[in-house]
ModelCIF file with pLDDT and N, C-alpha, C, O atoms, coordinates in Angstrom:
data_MODEL
#
_entry.id   MODEL 
#
_entity.id                         1 
_entity.type                       polymer 
_entity.pdbx_number_of_molecules   1 
#
_entity_poly.entity_id                      1 
_entity_poly.type                           'polypeptide(L)' 
_entity_poly.nstd_linkage                   no 
_entity_poly.nstd_monomer                   no 
_entity_poly.pdbx_seq_one_letter_code       ELYDKVFGKDEIKDEEEFRTKLEEQLASMFERDSINLYKRQMSEH 
_entity_poly.pdbx_seq_one_letter_code_can   ELYDKVFGKDEIKDEEEFRTKLEEQLASMFERDSINLYKRQMSEH 
_entity_poly.pdbx_strand_id                 A 
#
loop_
_entity_poly_seq.entity_id 
_entity_poly_seq.num 
_entity_poly_seq.mon_id 
_entity_poly_seq.hetero 
1 1  GLU n 
1 2  LEU n 
1 3  TYR n 
1 4  ASP n 
1 5  LYS n 
1 6  VAL n 
1 7  PHE n 
1 8  GLY n 
1 9  LYS n 
1 10 ASP n 
1 11 GLU n 
1 12 ILE n 
1 13 LYS n 
1 14 ASP n 
1 15 GLU n 
1 16 GLU n 
1 17 GLU n 
1 18 PHE n 
1 19 ARG n 
1 20 THR n 
1 21 LYS n 
1 22 LEU n 
1 23 GLU n 
1 24 GLU n 
1 25 GLN n 
1 26 LEU n 
1 27 ALA n 
1 28 SER n 
1 29 MET n 
1 30 PHE n 
1 31 GLU n 
1 32 ARG n 
1 33 ASP n 
1 34 SER n 
1 35 ILE n 
1 36 ASN n 
1 37 LEU n 
1 38 TYR n 
1 39 LYS n 
1 40 ARG n 
1 41 GLN n 
1 42 MET n 
1 43 SER n 
1 44 GLU n 
1 45 HIS n 
#
_struct_asym.id          A 
_struct_asym.entity_id   1 
#
loop_
_ma_qa_metric.id 
_ma_qa_metric.mode 
_ma_qa_metric.name 
_ma_qa_metric.software_group_id 
_ma_qa_metric.type 
1 global pLDDT . pLDDT 
2 local  pLDDT . pLDDT 
#
_ma_qa_metric_global.metric_id      1 
_ma_qa_metric_global.metric_value   94.00 
_ma_qa_metric_global.model_id       1 
_ma_qa_metric_global.ordinal_id     1 
#
loop_
_ma_qa_metric_local.label_asym_id 
_ma_qa_metric_local.label_comp_id 
_ma_qa_metric_local.label_seq_id 
_ma_qa_metric_local.metric_id 
_ma_qa_metric_local.metric_value 
_ma_qa_metric_local.model_id 
_ma_qa_metric_local.ordinal_id 
A GLU 1  2 95.00 1 1  
A LEU 2  2 95.00 1 2  
A TYR 3  2 95.00 1 3  
A ASP 4  2 94.00 1 4  
A LYS 5  2 93.00 1 5  
A VAL 6  2 93.00 1 6  
A PHE 7  2 93.00 1 7  
A GLY 8  2 92.00 1 8  
A LYS 9  2 92.00 1 9  
A ASP 10 2 91.00 1 10 
A GLU 11 2 93.00 1 11 
A ILE 12 2 94.00 1 12 
A LYS 13 2 93.00 1 13 
A ASP 14 2 94.00 1 14 
A GLU 15 2 95.00 1 15 
A GLU 16 2 95.00 1 16 
A GLU 17 2 96.00 1 17 
A PHE 18 2 96.00 1 18 
A ARG 19 2 96.00 1 19 
A THR 20 2 96.00 1 20 
A LYS 21 2 96.00 1 21 
A LEU 22 2 96.00 1 22 
A GLU 23 2 95.00 1 23 
A GLU 24 2 95.00 1 24 
A GLN 25 2 94.00 1 25 
A LEU 26 2 94.00 1 26 
A ALA 27 2 95.00 1 27 
A SER 28 2 94.00 1 28 
A MET 29 2 93.00 1 29 
A PHE 30 2 94.00 1 30 
A GLU 31 2 94.00 1 31 
A ARG 32 2 93.00 1 32 
A ASP 33 2 93.00 1 33 
A SER 34 2 95.00 1 34 
A ILE 35 2 94.00 1 35 
A ASN 36 2 92.00 1 36 
A LEU 37 2 94.00 1 37 
A TYR 38 2 94.00 1 38 
A LYS 39 2 93.00 1 39 
A ARG 40 2 93.00 1 40 
A GLN 41 2 93.00 1 41 
A MET 42 2 94.00 1 42 
A SER 43 2 93.00 1 43 
A GLU 44 2 94.00 1 44 
A HIS 45 2 94.00 1 45 
#
loop_
_atom_site.group_PDB 
_atom_site.id 
_atom_site.type_symbol 
_atom_site.label_atom_id 
_atom_site.label_alt_id 
_atom_site.label_comp_id 
_atom_site.label_asym_id 
_atom_site.label_entity_id 
_atom_site.label_seq_id 
_atom_site.pdbx_PDB_ins_code 
_atom_site.Cartn_x 
_atom_site.Cartn_y 
_atom_site.Cartn_z 
_atom_site.occupancy 
_atom_site.B_iso_or_equiv 
_atom_site.pdbx_formal_charge 
_atom_site.auth_seq_id 
_atom_site.auth_comp_id 
_atom_site.auth_asym_id 
_atom_site.auth_atom_id 
_atom_site.pdbx_PDB_model_num 
ATOM 1   N N  . GLU A 1 1  ? 54.459 50.012 -42.261 1.00 95.00 ? 1  GLU A N  1 
ATOM 2   C CA . GLU A 1 1  ? 53.441 50.261 -43.548 1.00 95.00 ? 1  GLU A CA 1 
ATOM 3   C C  . GLU A 1 1  ? 53.087 51.744 -43.669 1.00 95.00 ? 1  GLU A C  1 
ATOM 4   O O  . GLU A 1 1  ? 52.664 52.242 -44.712 1.00 95.00 ? 1  GLU A O  1 
ATOM 5   N N  . LEU A 1 2  ? 53.334 52.570 -42.272 1.00 95.00 ? 2  LEU A N  1 
ATOM 6   C CA . LEU A 1 2  ? 53.062 54.187 -42.403 1.00 95.00 ? 2  LEU A CA 1 
ATOM 7   C C  . LEU A 1 2  ? 54.434 54.623 -42.877 1.00 95.00 ? 2  LEU A C  1 
ATOM 8   O O  . LEU A 1 2  ? 54.361 55.554 -43.679 1.00 95.00 ? 2  LEU A O  1 
ATOM 9   N N  . TYR A 1 3  ? 55.702 54.199 -42.599 1.00 95.00 ? 3  TYR A N  1 
ATOM 10  C CA . TYR A 1 3  ? 56.993 54.654 -43.613 1.00 95.00 ? 3  TYR A CA 1 
ATOM 11  C C  . TYR A 1 3  ? 57.023 54.666 -45.118 1.00 95.00 ? 3  TYR A C  1 
ATOM 12  O O  . TYR A 1 3  ? 57.509 55.493 -45.890 1.00 95.00 ? 3  TYR A O  1 
ATOM 13  N N  . ASP A 1 4  ? 56.117 53.072 -45.431 1.00 94.00 ? 4  ASP A N  1 
ATOM 14  C CA . ASP A 1 4  ? 56.206 53.012 -46.700 1.00 94.00 ? 4  ASP A CA 1 
ATOM 15  C C  . ASP A 1 4  ? 55.017 53.885 -47.600 1.00 94.00 ? 4  ASP A C  1 
ATOM 16  O O  . ASP A 1 4  ? 55.163 54.127 -48.798 1.00 94.00 ? 4  ASP A O  1 
ATOM 17  N N  . LYS A 1 5  ? 54.089 54.213 -46.980 1.00 93.00 ? 5  LYS A N  1 
ATOM 18  C CA . LYS A 1 5  ? 53.116 54.987 -47.523 1.00 93.00 ? 5  LYS A CA 1 
ATOM 19  C C  . LYS A 1 5  ? 53.380 56.492 -47.614 1.00 93.00 ? 5  LYS A C  1 
ATOM 20  O O  . LYS A 1 5  ? 52.894 57.218 -48.482 1.00 93.00 ? 5  LYS A O  1 
ATOM 21  N N  . VAL A 1 6  ? 54.296 56.938 -46.514 1.00 93.00 ? 6  VAL A N  1 
ATOM 22  C CA . VAL A 1 6  ? 54.583 58.374 -46.651 1.00 93.00 ? 6  VAL A CA 1 
ATOM 23  C C  . VAL A 1 6  ? 55.862 58.498 -47.566 1.00 93.00 ? 6  VAL A C  1 
ATOM 24  O O  . VAL A 1 6  ? 55.978 59.554 -48.188 1.00 93.00 ? 6  VAL A O  1 
ATOM 25  N N  . PHE A 1 7  ? 56.791 57.574 -47.709 1.00 93.00 ? 7  PHE A N  1 
ATOM 26  C CA . PHE A 1 7  ? 57.943 57.834 -48.367 1.00 93.00 ? 7  PHE A CA 1 
ATOM 27  C C  . PHE A 1 7  ? 58.232 56.794 -49.770 1.00 93.00 ? 7  PHE A C  1 
ATOM 28  O O  . PHE A 1 7  ? 58.928 56.961 -50.772 1.00 93.00 ? 7  PHE A O  1 
ATOM 29  N N  . GLY A 1 8  ? 57.510 55.868 -49.399 1.00 92.00 ? 8  GLY A N  1 
ATOM 30  C CA . GLY A 1 8  ? 57.788 54.718 -50.667 1.00 92.00 ? 8  GLY A CA 1 
ATOM 31  C C  . GLY A 1 8  ? 58.168 53.538 -49.808 1.00 92.00 ? 8  GLY A C  1 
ATOM 32  O O  . GLY A 1 8  ? 58.476 53.648 -48.621 1.00 92.00 ? 8  GLY A O  1 
ATOM 33  N N  . LYS A 1 9  ? 58.125 52.286 -50.544 1.00 92.00 ? 9  LYS A N  1 
ATOM 34  C CA . LYS A 1 9  ? 58.529 50.945 -49.894 1.00 92.00 ? 9  LYS A CA 1 
ATOM 35  C C  . LYS A 1 9  ? 59.949 50.964 -49.652 1.00 92.00 ? 9  LYS A C  1 
ATOM 36  O O  . LYS A 1 9  ? 60.815 51.381 -50.421 1.00 92.00 ? 9  LYS A O  1 
ATOM 37  N N  . ASP A 1 10 ? 60.132 50.356 -48.240 1.00 91.00 ? 10 ASP A N  1 
ATOM 38  C CA . ASP A 1 10 ? 61.426 50.138 -47.757 1.00 91.00 ? 10 ASP A CA 1 
ATOM 39  C C  . ASP A 1 10 ? 62.346 51.211 -47.906 1.00 91.00 ? 10 ASP A C  1 
ATOM 40  O O  . ASP A 1 10 ? 63.540 50.911 -47.892 1.00 91.00 ? 10 ASP A O  1 
ATOM 41  N N  . GLU A 1 11 ? 61.938 52.734 -48.085 1.00 93.00 ? 11 GLU A N  1 
ATOM 42  C CA . GLU A 1 11 ? 62.648 53.687 -47.926 1.00 93.00 ? 11 GLU A CA 1 
ATOM 43  C C  . GLU A 1 11 ? 63.223 54.203 -46.522 1.00 93.00 ? 11 GLU A C  1 
ATOM 44  O O  . GLU A 1 11 ? 64.202 54.916 -46.301 1.00 93.00 ? 11 GLU A O  1 
ATOM 45  N N  . ILE A 1 12 ? 62.500 53.740 -45.831 1.00 94.00 ? 12 ILE A N  1 
ATOM 46  C CA . ILE A 1 12 ? 62.665 54.125 -44.286 1.00 94.00 ? 12 ILE A CA 1 
ATOM 47  C C  . ILE A 1 12 ? 62.801 52.774 -43.390 1.00 94.00 ? 12 ILE A C  1 
ATOM 48  O O  . ILE A 1 12 ? 61.891 51.954 -43.511 1.00 94.00 ? 12 ILE A O  1 
ATOM 49  N N  . LYS A 1 13 ? 63.707 52.526 -42.636 1.00 93.00 ? 13 LYS A N  1 
ATOM 50  C CA . LYS A 1 13 ? 63.788 51.461 -41.666 1.00 93.00 ? 13 LYS A CA 1 
ATOM 51  C C  . LYS A 1 13 ? 63.296 51.375 -40.566 1.00 93.00 ? 13 LYS A C  1 
ATOM 52  O O  . LYS A 1 13 ? 62.925 50.272 -40.165 1.00 93.00 ? 13 LYS A O  1 
ATOM 53  N N  . ASP A 1 14 ? 63.172 52.419 -39.849 1.00 94.00 ? 14 ASP A N  1 
ATOM 54  C CA . ASP A 1 14 ? 62.424 52.567 -38.454 1.00 94.00 ? 14 ASP A CA 1 
ATOM 55  C C  . ASP A 1 14 ? 62.152 54.002 -37.969 1.00 94.00 ? 14 ASP A C  1 
ATOM 56  O O  . ASP A 1 14 ? 62.457 55.013 -38.602 1.00 94.00 ? 14 ASP A O  1 
ATOM 57  N N  . GLU A 1 15 ? 61.517 53.971 -36.725 1.00 95.00 ? 15 GLU A N  1 
ATOM 58  C CA . GLU A 1 15 ? 60.810 55.239 -36.594 1.00 95.00 ? 15 GLU A CA 1 
ATOM 59  C C  . GLU A 1 15 ? 62.083 56.388 -36.175 1.00 95.00 ? 15 GLU A C  1 
ATOM 60  O O  . GLU A 1 15 ? 61.771 57.530 -36.514 1.00 95.00 ? 15 GLU A O  1 
ATOM 61  N N  . GLU A 1 16 ? 63.118 56.311 -35.665 1.00 95.00 ? 16 GLU A N  1 
ATOM 62  C CA . GLU A 1 16 ? 64.130 57.332 -35.870 1.00 95.00 ? 16 GLU A CA 1 
ATOM 63  C C  . GLU A 1 16 ? 64.440 57.842 -37.132 1.00 95.00 ? 16 GLU A C  1 
ATOM 64  O O  . GLU A 1 16 ? 64.659 59.045 -37.275 1.00 95.00 ? 16 GLU A O  1 
ATOM 65  N N  . GLU A 1 17 ? 64.481 57.046 -38.070 1.00 96.00 ? 17 GLU A N  1 
ATOM 66  C CA . GLU A 1 17 ? 64.905 57.343 -39.698 1.00 96.00 ? 17 GLU A CA 1 
ATOM 67  C C  . GLU A 1 17 ? 63.899 58.131 -40.084 1.00 96.00 ? 17 GLU A C  1 
ATOM 68  O O  . GLU A 1 17 ? 64.073 59.232 -40.606 1.00 96.00 ? 17 GLU A O  1 
ATOM 69  N N  . PHE A 1 18 ? 62.684 57.570 -39.829 1.00 96.00 ? 18 PHE A N  1 
ATOM 70  C CA . PHE A 1 18 ? 61.397 58.242 -39.995 1.00 96.00 ? 18 PHE A CA 1 
ATOM 71  C C  . PHE A 1 18 ? 61.163 59.908 -39.604 1.00 96.00 ? 18 PHE A C  1 
ATOM 72  O O  . PHE A 1 18 ? 60.732 60.830 -40.297 1.00 96.00 ? 18 PHE A O  1 
ATOM 73  N N  . ARG A 1 19 ? 61.533 59.877 -38.508 1.00 96.00 ? 19 ARG A N  1 
ATOM 74  C CA . ARG A 1 19 ? 61.540 61.310 -37.679 1.00 96.00 ? 19 ARG A CA 1 
ATOM 75  C C  . ARG A 1 19 ? 62.675 62.262 -38.484 1.00 96.00 ? 19 ARG A C  1 
ATOM 76  O O  . ARG A 1 19 ? 62.429 63.403 -38.876 1.00 96.00 ? 19 ARG A O  1 
ATOM 77  N N  . THR A 1 20 ? 63.908 61.602 -38.648 1.00 96.00 ? 20 THR A N  1 
ATOM 78  C CA . THR A 1 20 ? 64.937 62.368 -39.140 1.00 96.00 ? 20 THR A CA 1 
ATOM 79  C C  . THR A 1 20 ? 64.245 62.856 -40.620 1.00 96.00 ? 20 THR A C  1 
ATOM 80  O O  . THR A 1 20 ? 64.212 64.066 -40.846 1.00 96.00 ? 20 THR A O  1 
ATOM 81  N N  . LYS A 1 21 ? 63.871 62.210 -41.304 1.00 96.00 ? 21 LYS A N  1 
ATOM 82  C CA . LYS A 1 21 ? 63.366 62.452 -42.934 1.00 96.00 ? 21 LYS A CA 1 
ATOM 83  C C  . LYS A 1 21 ? 62.270 63.428 -42.800 1.00 96.00 ? 21 LYS A C  1 
ATOM 84  O O  . LYS A 1 21 ? 62.225 64.382 -43.576 1.00 96.00 ? 21 LYS A O  1 
ATOM 85  N N  . LEU A 1 22 ? 61.284 63.251 -41.779 1.00 96.00 ? 22 LEU A N  1 
ATOM 86  C CA . LEU A 1 22 ? 60.293 64.121 -41.513 1.00 96.00 ? 22 LEU A CA 1 
ATOM 87  C C  . LEU A 1 22 ? 60.792 65.523 -41.351 1.00 96.00 ? 22 LEU A C  1 
ATOM 88  O O  . LEU A 1 22 ? 60.290 66.454 -41.981 1.00 96.00 ? 22 LEU A O  1 
ATOM 89  N N  . GLU A 1 23 ? 62.022 65.711 -40.301 1.00 95.00 ? 23 GLU A N  1 
ATOM 90  C CA . GLU A 1 23 ? 62.265 66.682 -39.946 1.00 95.00 ? 23 GLU A CA 1 
ATOM 91  C C  . GLU A 1 23 ? 63.137 67.585 -41.152 1.00 95.00 ? 23 GLU A C  1 
ATOM 92  O O  . GLU A 1 23 ? 63.109 68.809 -41.282 1.00 95.00 ? 23 GLU A O  1 
ATOM 93  N N  . GLU A 1 24 ? 63.892 66.620 -41.963 1.00 95.00 ? 24 GLU A N  1 
ATOM 94  C CA . GLU A 1 24 ? 64.437 67.365 -43.029 1.00 95.00 ? 24 GLU A CA 1 
ATOM 95  C C  . GLU A 1 24 ? 63.418 68.160 -43.900 1.00 95.00 ? 24 GLU A C  1 
ATOM 96  O O  . GLU A 1 24 ? 63.757 69.239 -44.386 1.00 95.00 ? 24 GLU A O  1 
ATOM 97  N N  . GLN A 1 25 ? 62.194 67.653 -44.102 1.00 94.00 ? 25 GLN A N  1 
ATOM 98  C CA . GLN A 1 25 ? 61.269 68.073 -44.959 1.00 94.00 ? 25 GLN A CA 1 
ATOM 99  C C  . GLN A 1 25 ? 60.668 69.314 -44.414 1.00 94.00 ? 25 GLN A C  1 
ATOM 100 O O  . GLN A 1 25 ? 60.484 70.345 -45.061 1.00 94.00 ? 25 GLN A O  1 
ATOM 101 N N  . LEU A 1 26 ? 60.312 69.077 -42.874 1.00 94.00 ? 26 LEU A N  1 
ATOM 102 C CA . LEU A 1 26 ? 59.873 70.197 -42.433 1.00 94.00 ? 26 LEU A CA 1 
ATOM 103 C C  . LEU A 1 26 ? 60.780 71.540 -42.502 1.00 94.00 ? 26 LEU A C  1 
ATOM 104 O O  . LEU A 1 26 ? 60.379 72.703 -42.516 1.00 94.00 ? 26 LEU A O  1 
ATOM 105 N N  . ALA A 1 27 ? 62.096 71.067 -42.540 1.00 95.00 ? 27 ALA A N  1 
ATOM 106 C CA . ALA A 1 27 ? 63.189 72.196 -42.233 1.00 95.00 ? 27 ALA A CA 1 
ATOM 107 C C  . ALA A 1 27 ? 63.154 73.138 -43.954 1.00 95.00 ? 27 ALA A C  1 
ATOM 108 O O  . ALA A 1 27 ? 63.142 74.355 -44.143 1.00 95.00 ? 27 ALA A O  1 
ATOM 109 N N  . SER A 1 28 ? 63.147 72.130 -44.855 1.00 94.00 ? 28 SER A N  1 
ATOM 110 C CA . SER A 1 28 ? 63.082 72.511 -46.306 1.00 94.00 ? 28 SER A CA 1 
ATOM 111 C C  . SER A 1 28 ? 62.067 73.447 -46.536 1.00 94.00 ? 28 SER A C  1 
ATOM 112 O O  . SER A 1 28 ? 62.243 74.468 -47.200 1.00 94.00 ? 28 SER A O  1 
ATOM 113 N N  . MET A 1 29 ? 60.681 73.031 -45.842 1.00 93.00 ? 29 MET A N  1 
ATOM 114 C CA . MET A 1 29 ? 59.576 73.472 -46.183 1.00 93.00 ? 29 MET A CA 1 
ATOM 115 C C  . MET A 1 29 ? 59.439 75.238 -45.407 1.00 93.00 ? 29 MET A C  1 
ATOM 116 O O  . MET A 1 29 ? 58.904 76.254 -45.849 1.00 93.00 ? 29 MET A O  1 
ATOM 117 N N  . PHE A 1 30 ? 60.133 74.993 -44.200 1.00 94.00 ? 30 PHE A N  1 
ATOM 118 C CA . PHE A 1 30 ? 60.068 76.156 -43.427 1.00 94.00 ? 30 PHE A CA 1 
ATOM 119 C C  . PHE A 1 30 ? 61.069 77.252 -43.981 1.00 94.00 ? 30 PHE A C  1 
ATOM 120 O O  . PHE A 1 30 ? 60.837 78.461 -43.976 1.00 94.00 ? 30 PHE A O  1 
ATOM 121 N N  . GLU A 1 31 ? 62.219 76.644 -44.461 1.00 94.00 ? 31 GLU A N  1 
ATOM 122 C CA . GLU A 1 31 ? 63.085 77.568 -45.164 1.00 94.00 ? 31 GLU A CA 1 
ATOM 123 C C  . GLU A 1 31 ? 62.495 78.253 -46.317 1.00 94.00 ? 31 GLU A C  1 
ATOM 124 O O  . GLU A 1 31 ? 62.977 79.352 -46.592 1.00 94.00 ? 31 GLU A O  1 
ATOM 125 N N  . ARG A 1 32 ? 61.583 77.825 -47.007 1.00 93.00 ? 32 ARG A N  1 
ATOM 126 C CA . ARG A 1 32 ? 61.156 78.800 -48.287 1.00 93.00 ? 32 ARG A CA 1 
ATOM 127 C C  . ARG A 1 32 ? 60.207 79.561 -47.854 1.00 93.00 ? 32 ARG A C  1 
ATOM 128 O O  . ARG A 1 32 ? 60.045 80.615 -48.470 1.00 93.00 ? 32 ARG A O  1 
ATOM 129 N N  . ASP A 1 33 ? 59.358 79.283 -46.749 1.00 93.00 ? 33 ASP A N  1 
ATOM 130 C CA . ASP A 1 33 ? 58.405 80.213 -46.017 1.00 93.00 ? 33 ASP A CA 1 
ATOM 131 C C  . ASP A 1 33 ? 59.044 80.884 -45.292 1.00 93.00 ? 33 ASP A C  1 
ATOM 132 O O  . ASP A 1 33 ? 58.548 82.010 -45.247 1.00 93.00 ? 33 ASP A O  1 
ATOM 133 N N  . SER A 1 34 ? 60.380 80.739 -44.349 1.00 95.00 ? 34 SER A N  1 
ATOM 134 C CA . SER A 1 34 ? 60.992 81.812 -43.841 1.00 95.00 ? 34 SER A CA 1 
ATOM 135 C C  . SER A 1 34 ? 61.409 83.057 -44.954 1.00 95.00 ? 34 SER A C  1 
ATOM 136 O O  . SER A 1 34 ? 61.307 84.267 -44.752 1.00 95.00 ? 34 SER A O  1 
ATOM 137 N N  . ILE A 1 35 ? 61.787 82.541 -45.886 1.00 94.00 ? 35 ILE A N  1 
ATOM 138 C CA . ILE A 1 35 ? 62.437 83.232 -47.286 1.00 94.00 ? 35 ILE A CA 1 
ATOM 139 C C  . ILE A 1 35 ? 61.592 84.392 -47.676 1.00 94.00 ? 35 ILE A C  1 
ATOM 140 O O  . ILE A 1 35 ? 61.887 85.587 -47.718 1.00 94.00 ? 35 ILE A O  1 
ATOM 141 N N  . ASN A 1 36 ? 60.102 83.578 -48.042 1.00 92.00 ? 36 ASN A N  1 
ATOM 142 C CA . ASN A 1 36 ? 59.109 84.398 -48.693 1.00 92.00 ? 36 ASN A CA 1 
ATOM 143 C C  . ASN A 1 36 ? 58.813 85.177 -47.675 1.00 92.00 ? 36 ASN A C  1 
ATOM 144 O O  . ASN A 1 36 ? 58.702 86.312 -48.138 1.00 92.00 ? 36 ASN A O  1 
ATOM 145 N N  . LEU A 1 37 ? 58.561 85.192 -46.161 1.00 94.00 ? 37 LEU A N  1 
ATOM 146 C CA . LEU A 1 37 ? 58.006 86.120 -45.295 1.00 94.00 ? 37 LEU A CA 1 
ATOM 147 C C  . LEU A 1 37 ? 59.210 87.317 -45.300 1.00 94.00 ? 37 LEU A C  1 
ATOM 148 O O  . LEU A 1 37 ? 58.940 88.518 -45.330 1.00 94.00 ? 37 LEU A O  1 
ATOM 149 N N  . TYR A 1 38 ? 60.535 86.791 -45.266 1.00 94.00 ? 38 TYR A N  1 
ATOM 150 C CA . TYR A 1 38 ? 61.313 87.801 -45.020 1.00 94.00 ? 38 TYR A CA 1 
ATOM 151 C C  . TYR A 1 38 ? 61.256 88.946 -46.268 1.00 94.00 ? 38 TYR A C  1 
ATOM 152 O O  . TYR A 1 38 ? 61.296 90.171 -46.155 1.00 94.00 ? 38 TYR A O  1 
ATOM 153 N N  . LYS A 1 39 ? 61.161 88.217 -47.361 1.00 93.00 ? 39 LYS A N  1 
ATOM 154 C CA . LYS A 1 39 ? 61.338 89.205 -48.894 1.00 93.00 ? 39 LYS A CA 1 
ATOM 155 C C  . LYS A 1 39 ? 60.103 90.011 -48.809 1.00 93.00 ? 39 LYS A C  1 
ATOM 156 O O  . LYS A 1 39 ? 60.116 91.055 -49.460 1.00 93.00 ? 39 LYS A O  1 
ATOM 157 N N  . ARG A 1 40 ? 58.945 89.706 -48.076 1.00 93.00 ? 40 ARG A N  1 
ATOM 158 C CA . ARG A 1 40 ? 57.647 90.674 -47.848 1.00 93.00 ? 40 ARG A CA 1 
ATOM 159 C C  . ARG A 1 40 ? 58.103 91.758 -46.880 1.00 93.00 ? 40 ARG A C  1 
ATOM 160 O O  . ARG A 1 40 ? 57.980 92.938 -47.211 1.00 93.00 ? 40 ARG A O  1 
ATOM 161 N N  . GLN A 1 41 ? 58.691 91.378 -45.549 1.00 93.00 ? 41 GLN A N  1 
ATOM 162 C CA . GLN A 1 41 ? 59.176 92.065 -44.531 1.00 93.00 ? 41 GLN A CA 1 
ATOM 163 C C  . GLN A 1 41 ? 60.268 93.035 -45.168 1.00 93.00 ? 41 GLN A C  1 
ATOM 164 O O  . GLN A 1 41 ? 60.138 94.254 -45.047 1.00 93.00 ? 41 GLN A O  1 
ATOM 165 N N  . MET A 1 42 ? 61.163 92.570 -45.733 1.00 94.00 ? 42 MET A N  1 
ATOM 166 C CA . MET A 1 42 ? 62.011 93.792 -46.473 1.00 94.00 ? 42 MET A CA 1 
ATOM 167 C C  . MET A 1 42 ? 61.423 94.311 -47.300 1.00 94.00 ? 42 MET A C  1 
ATOM 168 O O  . MET A 1 42 ? 61.462 95.508 -47.017 1.00 94.00 ? 42 MET A O  1 
ATOM 169 N N  . SER A 1 43 ? 60.771 94.149 -48.354 1.00 93.00 ? 43 SER A N  1 
ATOM 170 C CA . SER A 1 43 ? 60.140 95.038 -49.458 1.00 93.00 ? 43 SER A CA 1 
ATOM 171 C C  . SER A 1 43 ? 59.239 96.358 -48.577 1.00 93.00 ? 43 SER A C  1 
ATOM 172 O O  . SER A 1 43 ? 59.032 97.492 -49.009 1.00 93.00 ? 43 SER A O  1 
ATOM 173 N N  . GLU A 1 44 ? 58.877 95.880 -47.451 1.00 94.00 ? 44 GLU A N  1 
ATOM 174 C CA . GLU A 1 44 ? 57.950 96.717 -46.741 1.00 94.00 ? 44 GLU A CA 1 
ATOM 175 C C  . GLU A 1 44 ? 59.065 97.742 -46.035 1.00 94.00 ? 44 GLU A C  1 
ATOM 176 O O  . GLU A 1 44 ? 59.003 98.963 -46.174 1.00 94.00 ? 44 GLU A O  1 
ATOM 177 N N  . HIS A 1 45 ? 60.077 97.071 -45.270 1.00 94.00 ? 45 HIS A N  1 
ATOM 178 C CA . HIS A 1 45 ? 60.749 97.924 -44.981 1.00 94.00 ? 45 HIS A CA 1 
ATOM 179 C C  . HIS A 1 45 ? 61.464 98.979 -45.898 1.00 94.00 ? 45 HIS A C  1 
ATOM 180 O O  . HIS A 1 45 ? 62.171 99.853 -45.398 1.00 94.00 ? 45 HIS A O  1 
#
């Protein structure tokens, strides 16, 4: 029920797949944050 609420009905089958998908989302979000931070650091440098 939680998997369905987060990703849509029957998109995720078990907790391992749930965690894998969440990790992909976090990695994508952190990648954007990392690039944005580096752009500020680079311009200051």
